């Protein structure tokens, strides 16, 4: 009987950092002077551009809740250090409750899953707003890291990443885009992620599609098929060998709201 591959999806996304601080109202000598923007103003504005239910046909949209199991790339210093931008993008869509990348002025996130419950891929969408110069530098550093042979494998603390390579970036999206694939072990399974990062002005959108791959299960399925035992009542895993893909409809829907 053909064995079924256990596939778990990693809820990849980032939690909004909605810091609350009161705006200063003008009075006395300060009357007429421009007031400093509230710390939560940027996040509130960014929140209005995030995906909501009904924005992408065939997908459910949720705001993730951080948990003890949502750790992103884990604690530690990236090694080699030049691979840090790759880990930062994963953290930007990890649901770790970190509030987004260090230089981001505001951050929000969403998780999208197939509405029919049949798909094996979950897509995290994280939005971060920067000073425009920081946004441009972030993309430059990310592009360099994704192409570096030193970053084909790297680690952050005890979390080890492998199989890093560039993917074709979507054309004509935002001001610039970078795409890459990456994987890491999760127990006996392998978490596979396809990441597309798009800059639109001072906002960076991270789309992280992931699924969980069972190498041993796939091998058993192949052996069963070789022995003529497939189709004997097993559940089957016809897409077990397929990498997750960021759906163009998700990218288009999100960028259309920025």
Protein backbone atom coordinates (compact mmCIF):
# COMPACT_ATOMS: atom_id res chain seq x y z
CA UNK A 1 0.00 0.00 0.00
CA UNK A 2 1.31 3.38 -0.94
CA UNK A 3 2.29 5.36 2.10
CA UNK A 4 1.13 8.91 2.59
CA UNK A 5 3.61 11.68 3.09
CA UNK A 6 2.94 13.70 6.21
CA UNK A 7 3.14 17.30 5.27
CA UNK A 8 2.77 20.09 7.69
CA UNK A 9 2.68 23.69 6.72
CA UNK A 10 4.67 26.32 8.48
CA UNK A 11 2.60 29.31 9.27
CA UNK A 12 5.04 31.82 7.91
CA UNK A 13 4.36 35.41 8.54
CA UNK A 14 5.18 38.21 10.89
CA UNK A 15 3.16 39.84 13.73
CA UNK A 16 2.38 43.57 13.51
CA UNK A 17 4.26 45.88 15.79
CA UNK A 18 1.62 48.33 16.91
CA UNK A 19 3.49 50.41 19.43
CA UNK A 20 1.27 52.93 21.19
CA UNK A 21 2.49 56.40 21.90
CA UNK A 22 0.52 59.62 22.24
CA UNK A 23 1.01 62.45 19.79
CA UNK A 24 2.06 65.77 21.22
CA UNK A 25 -0.59 68.46 20.87
CA UNK A 26 0.52 72.03 20.22
CA UNK A 27 0.04 74.57 23.00
CA UNK A 28 1.74 77.69 24.25
CA UNK A 29 5.14 78.22 22.60
CA UNK A 30 4.72 74.96 20.73
CA UNK A 31 1.54 76.13 19.00
CA UNK A 32 1.85 76.07 15.23
CA UNK A 33 4.93 73.83 15.29
CA UNK A 34 4.67 70.48 13.45
CA UNK A 35 4.13 67.64 15.87
CA UNK A 36 5.99 64.36 15.73
CA UNK A 37 3.98 61.52 14.18
CA UNK A 38 2.68 58.92 16.59
CA UNK A 39 4.72 55.73 16.73
CA UNK A 40 1.65 53.71 15.82
CA UNK A 41 0.60 55.94 12.92
CA UNK A 42 2.79 54.12 10.39
CA UNK A 43 1.58 50.69 11.48
CA UNK A 44 -2.06 51.77 11.36
CA UNK A 45 -1.61 53.11 7.82
CA UNK A 46 0.23 49.96 6.75
CA UNK A 47 -2.48 47.79 8.28
CA UNK A 48 -4.98 49.31 5.85
CA UNK A 49 -2.93 47.99 2.93
CA UNK A 50 -2.69 44.40 4.24
CA UNK A 51 -4.72 41.62 2.65
CA UNK A 52 -8.15 40.86 4.05
CA UNK A 53 -10.76 38.15 3.48
CA UNK A 54 -11.97 38.15 -0.10
CA UNK A 55 -8.92 39.90 -1.56
CA UNK A 56 -7.52 36.68 -3.08
CA UNK A 57 -10.01 34.23 -4.57
CA UNK A 58 -9.59 30.70 -3.25
CA UNK A 59 -7.62 31.68 -0.14
CA UNK A 60 -8.43 32.30 3.49
CA UNK A 61 -6.63 35.23 5.09
CA UNK A 62 -5.70 35.29 8.76
CA UNK A 63 -3.66 37.42 11.12
CA UNK A 64 -1.16 35.09 12.84
CA UNK A 65 -0.81 34.78 16.56
CA UNK A 66 2.71 34.34 17.93
CA UNK A 67 3.42 31.17 19.86
CA UNK A 68 6.36 29.55 21.58
CA UNK A 69 6.84 27.39 18.48
CA UNK A 70 7.07 30.35 16.11
CA UNK A 71 10.73 31.17 16.35
CA UNK A 72 11.73 32.29 12.86
CA UNK A 73 15.40 31.62 12.27
CA UNK A 74 16.09 31.19 15.98
CA UNK A 75 18.44 33.05 18.28
CA UNK A 76 22.04 33.52 17.36
CA UNK A 77 24.35 35.29 14.94
CA UNK A 78 24.16 34.25 11.27
CA UNK A 79 27.28 32.49 10.04
CA UNK A 80 28.60 33.47 7.56
CA UNK A 81 27.58 36.99 8.56
CA UNK A 82 26.85 38.01 4.95
CA UNK A 83 23.90 35.58 4.97
CA UNK A 84 22.05 37.62 7.62
CA UNK A 85 19.70 39.27 5.05
CA UNK A 86 18.33 35.86 4.08
CA UNK A 87 17.53 35.00 7.68
CA UNK A 88 16.05 38.46 8.25
CA UNK A 89 13.51 37.94 5.46
CA UNK A 90 12.49 34.61 7.01
CA UNK A 91 12.11 36.32 10.38
CA UNK A 92 10.03 38.97 8.64
CA UNK A 93 7.49 36.25 7.86
CA UNK A 94 7.91 33.95 10.85
CA UNK A 95 5.14 34.98 13.22
CA UNK A 96 7.76 35.21 15.96
CA UNK A 97 6.35 38.39 17.43
CA UNK A 98 9.63 40.25 16.86
CA UNK A 99 7.83 43.27 15.40
CA UNK A 100 9.56 42.96 12.04
CA UNK A 101 13.06 43.77 10.75
CA UNK A 102 15.26 45.96 12.91
CA UNK A 103 15.16 49.03 10.63
CA UNK A 104 11.46 48.78 9.80
CA UNK A 105 9.35 51.70 11.01
CA UNK A 106 6.13 49.66 10.81
CA UNK A 107 5.25 46.04 10.17
CA UNK A 108 2.13 43.91 9.58
CA UNK A 109 1.55 40.36 8.36
CA UNK A 110 -0.97 37.85 7.11
CA UNK A 111 -1.19 34.08 6.53
CA UNK A 112 -2.96 32.68 3.48
CA UNK A 113 -4.12 29.07 3.12
CA UNK A 114 -6.18 27.36 0.39
CA UNK A 115 -9.87 27.83 1.18
CA UNK A 116 -10.70 24.25 0.17
CA UNK A 117 -8.21 22.87 2.70
CA UNK A 118 -6.63 20.62 0.08
CA UNK A 119 -3.42 22.48 -0.59
CA UNK A 120 -0.17 21.71 1.20
CA UNK A 121 1.32 25.19 0.93
CA UNK A 122 0.86 28.09 3.31
CA UNK A 123 1.91 31.58 2.26
CA UNK A 124 2.98 34.21 4.75
CA UNK A 125 2.83 37.82 3.62
CA UNK A 126 4.78 40.39 5.63
CA UNK A 127 4.79 44.13 4.96
CA UNK A 128 7.51 46.38 6.35
CA UNK A 129 7.83 50.13 5.89
CA UNK A 130 11.30 51.72 6.02
CA UNK A 131 13.02 54.96 5.28
CA UNK A 132 13.40 54.64 1.50
CA UNK A 133 17.21 54.55 1.65
CA UNK A 134 17.03 51.67 4.14
CA UNK A 135 14.52 49.83 1.92
CA UNK A 136 16.85 50.09 -1.08
CA UNK A 137 19.86 48.94 0.95
CA UNK A 138 17.89 46.01 2.34
CA UNK A 139 17.16 44.80 -1.20
CA UNK A 140 20.79 45.28 -2.27
CA UNK A 141 22.05 43.24 0.69
CA UNK A 142 19.44 40.55 0.09
CA UNK A 143 20.29 40.23 -3.59
CA UNK A 144 23.99 39.90 -2.76
CA UNK A 145 23.36 37.22 -0.12
CA UNK A 146 21.03 35.19 -2.33
CA UNK A 147 23.71 34.99 -5.03
CA UNK A 148 26.63 34.26 -2.70
CA UNK A 149 28.04 30.73 -2.86
CA UNK A 150 28.95 31.12 0.82
CA UNK A 151 25.24 31.31 1.62
CA UNK A 152 24.20 28.10 -0.13
CA UNK A 153 24.39 26.73 3.42
CA UNK A 154 24.48 28.79 6.59
CA UNK A 155 23.25 28.67 10.15
CA UNK A 156 21.75 30.94 12.77
CA UNK A 157 22.34 29.50 16.20
CA UNK A 158 21.27 25.84 16.02
CA UNK A 159 19.08 26.36 12.97
CA UNK A 160 20.83 25.25 9.80
CA UNK A 161 19.72 26.29 6.32
CA UNK A 162 20.55 24.55 3.08
CA UNK A 163 19.68 24.47 -0.61
CA UNK A 164 19.73 28.25 -0.96
CA UNK A 165 19.60 29.40 -4.56
CA UNK A 166 18.09 32.25 -6.51
CA UNK A 167 14.80 31.91 -8.38
CA UNK A 168 13.50 34.03 -11.25
CA UNK A 169 12.04 37.18 -9.70
CA UNK A 170 8.62 38.30 -10.97
CA UNK A 171 8.98 40.91 -13.70
CA UNK A 172 7.36 44.30 -13.55
CA UNK A 173 6.46 44.06 -9.87
CA UNK A 174 7.15 47.06 -7.66
CA UNK A 175 10.46 48.88 -8.07
CA UNK A 176 12.60 45.76 -7.71
CA UNK A 177 12.24 42.14 -6.65
CA UNK A 178 14.34 39.22 -5.42
CA UNK A 179 13.31 35.56 -5.24
CA UNK A 180 15.08 32.57 -3.72
CA UNK A 181 14.46 29.12 -2.28
CA UNK A 182 15.69 27.81 1.04
CA UNK A 183 15.19 24.76 3.25
CA UNK A 184 15.87 23.62 6.79
CA UNK A 185 15.32 20.51 8.88
CA UNK A 186 12.28 20.19 11.11
CA UNK A 187 12.71 16.87 12.91
CA UNK A 188 12.50 14.06 10.36
CA UNK A 189 11.03 16.42 7.78
CA UNK A 190 12.43 19.24 5.65
CA UNK A 191 10.73 22.63 5.59
CA UNK A 192 10.96 24.04 2.08
CA UNK A 193 10.37 27.72 1.40
CA UNK A 194 10.11 29.81 -1.76
CA UNK A 195 10.52 33.48 -0.95
CA UNK A 196 9.73 36.49 -3.11
CA UNK A 197 10.60 39.96 -1.82
CA UNK A 198 9.30 43.07 -3.60
CA UNK A 199 10.13 46.69 -2.86
CA UNK A 200 7.53 49.31 -3.71
CA UNK A 201 8.91 52.71 -2.73
CA UNK A 202 9.71 52.51 0.99
CA UNK A 203 7.63 49.37 1.60
CA UNK A 204 9.01 45.85 1.32
CA UNK A 205 6.58 42.97 0.86
CA UNK A 206 7.76 39.44 1.70
CA UNK A 207 5.88 36.46 0.28
CA UNK A 208 6.99 33.18 1.86
CA UNK A 209 5.38 29.98 0.54
CA UNK A 210 6.25 26.85 2.53
CA UNK A 211 5.46 23.18 2.91
CA UNK A 212 6.93 20.25 4.78
CA UNK A 213 8.66 17.50 2.83
CA UNK A 214 9.02 13.91 4.03
CA UNK A 215 12.10 12.42 2.29
CA UNK A 216 11.63 8.94 3.74
CA UNK A 217 7.94 8.90 2.88
CA UNK A 218 8.63 9.90 -0.71
CA UNK A 219 11.23 7.16 -1.02
CA UNK A 220 8.74 4.59 0.29
CA UNK A 221 6.18 5.79 -2.25
CA UNK A 222 8.70 5.42 -5.06
CA UNK A 223 9.58 1.92 -3.93
CA UNK A 224 5.89 1.00 -3.74
CA UNK A 225 5.33 2.31 -7.25
CA UNK A 226 8.34 0.38 -8.49
CA UNK A 227 6.92 -2.80 -6.97
CA UNK A 228 3.55 -2.16 -8.57
CA UNK A 229 1.86 -1.49 -5.25
CA UNK A 230 0.70 2.04 -5.94
CA UNK A 231 -3.00 2.54 -6.49
CA UNK A 232 -3.77 -0.19 -3.98
CA UNK A 233 -5.81 1.99 -1.68
CA UNK A 234 -3.10 4.29 -0.36
CA UNK A 235 -3.76 7.98 0.02
CA UNK A 236 -0.97 8.85 -2.37
CA UNK A 237 1.26 11.90 -2.57
CA UNK A 238 1.20 13.10 -6.18
CA UNK A 239 2.71 16.51 -5.33
CA UNK A 240 5.13 15.44 -2.61
CA UNK A 241 8.17 16.25 -4.72
CA UNK A 242 6.99 19.70 -5.72
CA UNK A 243 8.54 22.77 -4.15
CA UNK A 244 6.10 25.33 -2.75
CA UNK A 245 5.37 28.24 -5.05
CA UNK A 246 4.28 31.79 -4.32
CA UNK A 247 0.97 32.21 -6.15
CA UNK A 248 1.06 35.19 -8.57
CA UNK A 249 -2.52 36.04 -7.53
CA UNK A 250 -1.34 36.67 -3.96
CA UNK A 251 1.52 38.90 -5.12
CA UNK A 252 -0.74 40.87 -7.45
CA UNK A 253 -3.47 41.31 -4.84
CA UNK A 254 -1.05 42.60 -2.20
CA UNK A 255 0.95 44.90 -4.45
CA UNK A 256 -2.30 46.28 -5.81
CA UNK A 257 -3.17 47.54 -2.32
CA UNK A 258 0.15 49.28 -1.67
